[in-house]
C-alpha atoms as a PDB file:
ATOM      1  CA  UNK A   1      39.557  48.358  75.110  1.00  0.00           C
ATOM      2  CA  UNK A   2      41.829  51.170  73.675  1.00  0.00           C
ATOM      3  CA  UNK A   3      45.180  50.925  73.413  1.00  0.00           C
ATOM      4  CA  UNK A   4      47.739  53.731  74.578  1.00  0.00           C
ATOM      5  CA  UNK A   5      51.013  54.652  72.998  1.00  0.00           C
ATOM      6  CA  UNK A   6      53.615  55.590  75.418  1.00  0.00           C
ATOM      7  CA  UNK A   7      57.293  56.328  74.680  1.00  0.00           C
ATOM      8  CA  UNK A   8      60.206  55.588  77.033  1.00  0.00           C
ATOM      9  CA  UNK A   9      63.361  55.533  77.398  1.00  0.00           C
ATOM     10  CA  UNK A  10      65.901  53.327  78.898  1.00  0.00           C
ATOM     11  CA  UNK A  11      67.607  54.079  82.206  1.00  0.00           C
ATOM     12  CA  UNK A  12      71.300  53.887  83.602  1.00  0.00           C
ATOM     13  CA  UNK A  13      71.356  55.564  86.291  1.00  0.00           C
ATOM     14  CA  UNK A  14      69.790  54.613  89.837  1.00  0.00           C
ATOM     15  CA  UNK A  15      69.216  55.788  93.272  1.00  0.00           C
ATOM     16  CA  UNK A  16      67.147  58.021  94.545  1.00  0.00           C
ATOM     17  CA  UNK A  17      69.533  61.099  93.426  1.00  0.00           C
ATOM     18  CA  UNK A  18      69.362  60.182  89.969  1.00  0.00           C
ATOM     19  CA  UNK A  19      65.541  59.450  90.541  1.00  0.00           C
ATOM     20  CA  UNK A  20      64.975  62.847  91.942  1.00  0.00           C
ATOM     21  CA  UNK A  21      66.841  64.458  89.011  1.00  0.00           C
ATOM     22  CA  UNK A  22      64.375  62.451  86.543  1.00  0.00           C
ATOM     23  CA  UNK A  23      61.347  63.657  88.594  1.00  0.00           C
ATOM     24  CA  UNK A  24      62.554  67.290  88.601  1.00  0.00           C
ATOM     25  CA  UNK A  25      63.099  66.590  84.489  1.00  0.00           C
ATOM     26  CA  UNK A  26      59.462  66.044  84.204  1.00  0.00           C
ATOM     27  CA  UNK A  27      60.257  62.005  84.052  1.00  0.00           C
ATOM     28  CA  UNK A  28      58.933  59.239  86.054  1.00  0.00           C
ATOM     29  CA  UNK A  29      61.620  55.806  86.429  1.00  0.00           C
ATOM     30  CA  UNK A  30      59.571  52.638  85.609  1.00  0.00           C
ATOM     31  CA  UNK A  31      60.662  49.048  85.378  1.00  0.00           C
ATOM     32  CA  UNK A  32      59.012  46.559  82.591  1.00  0.00           C
ATOM     33  CA  UNK A  33      59.262  43.299  82.910  1.00  0.00           C
ATOM     34  CA  UNK A  34      57.455  39.779  81.714  1.00  0.00           C
ATOM     35  CA  UNK A  35      57.978  36.606  80.495  1.00  0.00           C
ATOM     36  CA  UNK A  36      59.004  36.894  77.025  1.00  0.00           C
ATOM     37  CA  UNK A  37      61.638  40.087  77.780  1.00  0.00           C
ATOM     38  CA  UNK A  38      64.188  41.015  80.408  1.00  0.00           C
ATOM     39  CA  UNK A  39      63.627  43.040  83.193  1.00  0.00           C
ATOM     40  CA  UNK A  40      64.469  47.072  82.068  1.00  0.00           C
ATOM     41  CA  UNK A  41      64.323  49.960  83.608  1.00  0.00           C
ATOM     42  CA  UNK A  42      62.815  53.017  81.916  1.00  0.00           C
ATOM     43  CA  UNK A  43      61.815  56.665  82.175  1.00  0.00           C
ATOM     44  CA  UNK A  44      58.305  57.969  80.808  1.00  0.00           C
ATOM     45  CA  UNK A  45      57.330  61.381  80.748  1.00  0.00           C
ATOM     46  CA  UNK A  46      55.528  62.074  84.013  1.00  0.00           C
ATOM     47  CA  UNK A  47      52.559  64.203  81.703  1.00  0.00           C
ATOM     48  CA  UNK A  48      52.126  61.195  79.078  1.00  0.00           C
ATOM     49  CA  UNK A  49      51.739  58.938  81.910  1.00  0.00           C
ATOM     50  CA  UNK A  50      49.191  61.082  83.578  1.00  0.00           C
ATOM     51  CA  UNK A  51      46.822  60.981  80.566  1.00  0.00           C
ATOM     52  CA  UNK A  52      47.574  57.374  80.081  1.00  0.00           C
ATOM     53  CA  UNK A  53      46.428  56.473  83.443  1.00  0.00           C
ATOM     54  CA  UNK A  54      43.237  58.825  83.287  1.00  0.00           C
ATOM     55  CA  UNK A  55      41.518  57.336  80.547  1.00  0.00           C
ATOM     56  CA  UNK A  56      37.929  55.592  80.632  1.00  0.00           C
ATOM     57  CA  UNK A  57      40.349  52.559  81.764  1.00  0.00           C
ATOM     58  CA  UNK A  58      42.024  53.839  84.480  1.00  0.00           C
ATOM     59  CA  UNK A  59      44.834  52.171  86.257  1.00  0.00           C
ATOM     60  CA  UNK A  60      43.738  48.939  83.682  1.00  0.00           C
ATOM     61  CA  UNK A  61      45.078  50.739  80.344  1.00  0.00           C
ATOM     62  CA  UNK A  62      46.598  49.134  77.617  1.00  0.00           C
ATOM     63  CA  UNK A  63      49.980  50.411  77.446  1.00  0.00           C
ATOM     64  CA  UNK A  64      51.963  50.391  74.256  1.00  0.00           C
ATOM     65  CA  UNK A  65      55.499  50.651  75.615  1.00  0.00           C
ATOM     66  CA  UNK A  66      57.591  52.002  72.938  1.00  0.00           C
ATOM     67  CA  UNK A  67      61.105  51.992  74.275  1.00  0.00           C
ATOM     68  CA  UNK A  68      63.662  54.312  72.243  1.00  0.00           C
ATOM     69  CA  UNK A  69      66.143  52.002  70.315  1.00  0.00           C
ATOM     70  CA  UNK A  70      64.490  49.036  71.881  1.00  0.00           C
ATOM     71  CA  UNK A  71      61.684  46.509  72.554  1.00  0.00           C
ATOM     72  CA  UNK A  72      57.937  47.366  71.796  1.00  0.00           C
ATOM     73  CA  UNK A  73      55.897  46.047  75.127  1.00  0.00           C
ATOM     74  CA  UNK A  74      52.393  45.300  75.331  1.00  0.00           C
ATOM     75  CA  UNK A  75      51.942  46.074  79.286  1.00  0.00           C
ATOM     76  CA  UNK A  76      49.435  46.854  82.258  1.00  0.00           C
ATOM     77  CA  UNK A  77      50.407  49.131  85.313  1.00  0.00           C
ATOM     78  CA  UNK A  78      51.485  47.685  88.264  1.00  0.00           C
ATOM     79  CA  UNK A  79      52.503  48.998  91.840  1.00  0.00           C
ATOM     80  CA  UNK A  80      52.123  52.443  91.270  1.00  0.00           C
ATOM     81  CA  UNK A  81      54.109  54.413  93.643  1.00  0.00           C
ATOM     82  CA  UNK A  82      52.651  57.979  94.937  1.00  0.00           C
ATOM     83  CA  UNK A  83      53.757  61.210  96.363  1.00  0.00           C
ATOM     84  CA  UNK A  84      52.555  60.570  99.737  1.00  0.00           C
ATOM     85  CA  UNK A  85      51.667  64.662  99.620  1.00  0.00           C
ATOM     86  CA  UNK A  86      51.140  65.232  95.803  1.00  0.00           C
ATOM     87  CA  UNK A  87      49.811  62.680  94.581  1.00  0.00           C
ATOM     88  CA  UNK A  88      51.746  62.009  91.540  1.00  0.00           C
ATOM     89  CA  UNK A  89      53.178  59.093  90.517  1.00  0.00           C
ATOM     90  CA  UNK A  90      57.085  58.631  91.596  1.00  0.00           C
ATOM     91  CA  UNK A  91      57.544  55.066  90.002  1.00  0.00           C
ATOM     92  CA  UNK A  92      55.383  51.954  88.344  1.00  0.00           C
ATOM     93  CA  UNK A  93      56.414  48.827  87.870  1.00  0.00           C
ATOM     94  CA  UNK A  94      54.619  47.950  83.922  1.00  0.00           C
ATOM     95  CA  UNK A  95      54.258  43.801  83.798  1.00  0.00           C
ATOM     96  CA  UNK A  96      54.066  42.570  79.800  1.00  0.00           C
ATOM     97  CA  UNK A  97      50.875  40.917  78.912  1.00  0.00           C
ATOM     98  CA  UNK A  98      49.196  39.058  76.321  1.00  0.00           C
ATOM     99  CA  UNK A  99      45.948  39.521  74.478  1.00  0.00           C
ATOM    100  CA  UNK A 100      44.719  36.205  75.002  1.00  0.00           C
ATOM    101  CA  UNK A 101      45.762  35.569  78.431  1.00  0.00           C
ATOM    102  CA  UNK A 102      43.443  36.638  81.046  1.00  0.00           C
ATOM    103  CA  UNK A 103      45.518  38.705  83.985  1.00  0.00           C
ATOM    104  CA  UNK A 104      44.489  40.011  87.303  1.00  0.00           C
ATOM    105  CA  UNK A 105      42.671  43.628  87.922  1.00  0.00           C
ATOM    106  CA  UNK A 106      41.288  45.589  90.524  1.00  0.00           C
ATOM    107  CA  UNK A 107      38.201  47.208  89.129  1.00  0.00           C
ATOM    108  CA  UNK A 108      36.422  50.303  90.651  1.00  0.00           C
ATOM    109  CA  UNK A 109      32.666  49.590  92.217  1.00  0.00           C
ATOM    110  CA  UNK A 110      29.930  52.243  91.420  1.00  0.00           C
ATOM    111  CA  UNK A 111      27.119  52.606  93.838  1.00  0.00           C
ATOM    112  CA  UNK A 112      24.225  54.060  92.203  1.00  0.00           C
ATOM    113  CA  UNK A 113      20.655  55.208  93.663  1.00  0.00           C
ATOM    114  CA  UNK A 114      19.315  56.430  97.488  1.00  0.00           C
ATOM    115  CA  UNK A 115      18.688  53.240  99.682  1.00  0.00           C
ATOM    116  CA  UNK A 116      15.204  52.928 101.128  1.00  0.00           C
ATOM    117  CA  UNK A 117      16.711  52.325 104.503  1.00  0.00           C
ATOM    118  CA  UNK A 118      18.417  56.026 103.725  1.00  0.00           C
ATOM    119  CA  UNK A 119      14.685  57.393 102.714  1.00  0.00           C
ATOM    120  CA  UNK A 120      12.560  56.222 105.268  1.00  0.00           C
ATOM    121  CA  UNK A 121      14.541  55.454 108.107  1.00  0.00           C
ATOM    122  CA  UNK A 122      17.031  58.219 108.045  1.00  0.00           C
ATOM    123  CA  UNK A 123      19.995  55.505 107.449  1.00  0.00           C
ATOM    124  CA  UNK A 124      22.999  56.082 105.877  1.00  0.00           C
ATOM    125  CA  UNK A 125      25.811  54.199 103.398  1.00  0.00           C
ATOM    126  CA  UNK A 126      28.550  52.761 104.625  1.00  0.00           C
ATOM    127  CA  UNK A 127      31.066  51.525 101.848  1.00  0.00           C
ATOM    128  CA  UNK A 128      33.135  48.838 102.839  1.00  0.00           C
ATOM    129  CA  UNK A 129      34.850  48.452  99.930  1.00  0.00           C
ATOM    130  CA  UNK A 130      34.956  50.521  96.490  1.00  0.00           C
ATOM    131  CA  UNK A 131      36.839  47.864  94.150  1.00  0.00           C
ATOM    132  CA  UNK A 132      37.018  44.169  93.340  1.00  0.00           C
ATOM    133  CA  UNK A 133      39.796  41.565  91.678  1.00  0.00           C
ATOM    134  CA  UNK A 134      38.870  39.958  88.744  1.00  0.00           C
ATOM    135  CA  UNK A 135      40.293  37.822  86.246  1.00  0.00           C
ATOM    136  CA  UNK A 136      39.870  38.774  82.533  1.00  0.00           C
ATOM    137  CA  UNK A 137      41.233  39.103  78.967  1.00  0.00           C
ATOM    138  CA  UNK A 138      43.093  42.199  78.977  1.00  0.00           C
ATOM    139  CA  UNK A 139      40.365  43.527  76.441  1.00  0.00           C
ATOM    140  CA  UNK A 140      37.152  42.661  78.792  1.00  0.00           C
ATOM    141  CA  UNK A 141      38.170  44.069  81.891  1.00  0.00           C
ATOM    142  CA  UNK A 142      35.327  46.534  82.564  1.00  0.00           C
ATOM    143  CA  UNK A 143      35.955  50.291  82.994  1.00  0.00           C
ATOM    144  CA  UNK A 144      34.141  50.058  86.403  1.00  0.00           C
ATOM    145  CA  UNK A 145      31.262  47.623  87.458  1.00  0.00           C
ATOM    146  CA  UNK A 146      28.022  49.804  88.827  1.00  0.00           C
ATOM    147  CA  UNK A 147      25.451  48.719  91.223  1.00  0.00           C
ATOM    148  CA  UNK A 148      22.059  49.852  92.086  1.00  0.00           C
ATOM    149  CA  UNK A 149      21.517  50.061  95.713  1.00  0.00           C
ATOM    150  CA  UNK A 150      18.004  51.765  95.634  1.00  0.00           C
ATOM    151  CA  UNK A 151      16.131  48.906  96.978  1.00  0.00           C
ATOM    152  CA  UNK A 152      18.182  48.274  99.938  1.00  0.00           C
ATOM    153  CA  UNK A 153      16.912  48.203 103.458  1.00  0.00           C
ATOM    154  CA  UNK A 154      18.627  49.242 106.893  1.00  0.00           C
ATOM    155  CA  UNK A 155      20.308  46.660 107.900  1.00  0.00           C
ATOM    156  CA  UNK A 156      20.713  45.275 104.317  1.00  0.00           C
ATOM    157  CA  UNK A 157      24.413  44.651 103.356  1.00  0.00           C
ATOM    158  CA  UNK A 158      25.441  43.824  99.461  1.00  0.00           C
ATOM    159  CA  UNK A 159      28.464  41.166  98.999  1.00  0.00           C
ATOM    160  CA  UNK A 160      30.434  40.010  96.029  1.00  0.00           C
ATOM    161  CA  UNK A 161      28.000  37.301  95.472  1.00  0.00           C
ATOM    162  CA  UNK A 162      24.745  40.339  94.636  1.00  0.00           C
ATOM    163  CA  UNK A 163      27.233  41.682  91.765  1.00  0.00           C
ATOM    164  CA  UNK A 164      25.896  40.933  88.317  1.00  0.00           C
ATOM    165  CA  UNK A 165      27.620  38.025  86.138  1.00  0.00           C
ATOM    166  CA  UNK A 166      29.815  40.233  83.362  1.00  0.00           C
ATOM    167  CA  UNK A 167      30.544  37.666  80.442  1.00  0.00           C
ATOM    168  CA  UNK A 168      34.248  36.802  80.515  1.00  0.00           C
ATOM    169  CA  UNK A 169      35.083  38.183  84.077  1.00  0.00           C
ATOM    170  CA  UNK A 170      35.459  36.132  87.068  1.00  0.00           C
ATOM    171  CA  UNK A 171      35.081  37.568  90.649  1.00  0.00           C
ATOM    172  CA  UNK A 172      38.549  36.639  92.490  1.00  0.00           C
ATOM    173  CA  UNK A 173      36.693  37.757  95.637  1.00  0.00           C
ATOM    174  CA  UNK A 174      35.171  36.108  98.575  1.00  0.00           C
ATOM    175  CA  UNK A 175      31.541  35.705  97.243  1.00  0.00           C
ATOM    176  CA  UNK A 176      30.540  36.494 100.992  1.00  0.00           C
ATOM    177  CA  UNK A 177      32.899  39.381 101.492  1.00  0.00           C
ATOM    178  CA  UNK A 178      30.652  42.390 102.143  1.00  0.00           C
ATOM    179  CA  UNK A 179      30.513  45.620  99.725  1.00  0.00           C
ATOM    180  CA  UNK A 180      28.513  48.375 101.329  1.00  0.00           C
ATOM    181  CA  UNK A 181      25.744  48.364 104.469  1.00  0.00           C
ATOM    182  CA  UNK A 182      22.435  50.692 105.245  1.00  0.00           C
ATOM    183  CA  UNK A 183      22.918  51.185 108.803  1.00  0.00           C
ATOM    184  CA  UNK A 184      20.658  52.743 111.156  1.00  0.00           C
ATOM    185  CA  UNK A 185      21.098  56.552 112.054  1.00  0.00           C
ATOM    186  CA  UNK A 186      23.241  57.487 115.152  1.00  0.00           C
ATOM    187  CA  UNK A 187      21.637  58.636 118.432  1.00  0.00           C
ATOM    188  CA  UNK A 188      23.296  60.790 120.593  1.00  0.00           C
ATOM    189  CA  UNK A 189      22.423  60.195 123.966  1.00  0.00           C
ATOM    190  CA  UNK A 190      21.658  63.431 125.711  1.00  0.00           C
ATOM    191  CA  UNK A 191      23.328  63.821 129.286  1.00  0.00           C
ATOM    192  CA  UNK A 192      20.876  63.077 132.371  1.00  0.00           C
ATOM    193  CA  UNK A 193      19.736  66.162 133.816  1.00  0.00           C
ATOM    194  CA  UNK A 194      20.953  66.052 137.690  1.00  0.00           C
ATOM    195  CA  UNK A 195      17.779  66.234 140.120  1.00  0.00           C
ATOM    196  CA  UNK A 196      17.747  68.731 142.973  1.00  0.00           C
ATOM    197  CA  UNK A 197      15.161  68.393 145.624  1.00  0.00           C
ATOM    198  CA  UNK A 198      13.758  71.642 147.105  1.00  0.00           C
ATOM    199  CA  UNK A 199      12.942  72.549 150.388  1.00  0.00           C
ATOM    200  CA  UNK A 200       8.898  74.119 151.173  1.00  0.00           C
ATOM    201  CA  UNK A 201      10.145  77.568 149.867  1.00  0.00           C
ATOM    202  CA  UNK A 202      11.459  76.371 146.699  1.00  0.00           C
ATOM    203  CA  UNK A 203      15.311  76.471 148.215  1.00  0.00           C
ATOM    204  CA  UNK A 204      17.895  74.078 146.872  1.00  0.00           C
ATOM    205  CA  UNK A 205      18.194  71.314 149.875  1.00  0.00           C
ATOM    206  CA  UNK A 206      22.103  70.839 150.800  1.00  0.00           C
ATOM    207  CA  UNK A 207      22.766  67.035 150.803  1.00  0.00           C
ATOM    208  CA  UNK A 208      22.987  65.346 154.248  1.00  0.00           C
ATOM    209  CA  UNK A 209      26.476  64.449 155.017  1.00  0.00           C
ATOM    210  CA  UNK A 210      26.864  60.535 155.298  1.00  0.00           C
ATOM    211  CA  UNK A 211      28.698  58.706 158.219  1.00  0.00           C
ATOM    212  CA  UNK A 212      32.386  58.760 157.415  1.00  0.00           C
ATOM    213  CA  UNK A 213      32.125  62.553 155.710  1.00  0.00           C
ATOM    214  CA  UNK A 214      32.215  64.319 159.000  1.00  0.00           C
ATOM    215  CA  UNK A 215      35.227  66.163 157.961  1.00  0.00           C
ATOM    216  CA  UNK A 216      34.026  66.860 154.582  1.00  0.00           C
ATOM    217  CA  UNK A 217      30.619  68.449 156.101  1.00  0.00           C
ATOM    218  CA  UNK A 218      32.450  70.378 159.110  1.00  0.00           C
ATOM    219  CA  UNK A 219      33.122  73.880 159.205  1.00  0.00           C
ATOM    220  CA  UNK A 220      36.959  74.780 157.951  1.00  0.00           C
ATOM    221  CA  UNK A 221      38.641  76.514 161.166  1.00  0.00           C
ATOM    222  CA  UNK A 222      37.716  80.447 162.029  1.00  0.00           C
ATOM    223  CA  UNK A 223      34.619  79.639 159.973  1.00  0.00           C
ATOM    224  CA  UNK A 224      31.089  79.664 161.930  1.00  0.00           C
END
């Protein structure tokens, strides 16, 4: 997996207002922490951060954080906070890593093909989960995990245990955790038609009031 260099500057101001000022300047507040370094608060370019997190590796990109006048840290992004409307990153935590130590990561699962249950029965695919949690060396983390679902029939469910093994990668999720299923097509029930009884001339017969309903069936005062 390629490494991406991300230049950073230490920040001395904290709180909501200073953070808003930084974002207006196109900067993103971040925090770097790890075993061998003291926790440090930094800012990075929002544009550079966007490019770094949109490589093939996505959020699991290996980031060389070059802090101006300070340390160089190899890290990965964790706890990425995004704006609820715009979706851009407003803060993130970066954790120091070592290339010879395994780390935990969330990896996207891509489902390929159209299941037989859709083609033959008109069923539909329901994706229950789009990511799995794995453990691997930083350089062994796959950008995504692809799985073919063409042979799935209606009622079939694909689980974590059905994913192909990947050398150097350990699945950490429950192996019985469902990922995707093929369901029967939804059938909308048509409303029942009300049957109307007709007389010999084809005129609808008014229902006769039952005992206790005399008042409801009796003509109103002044009516014939």
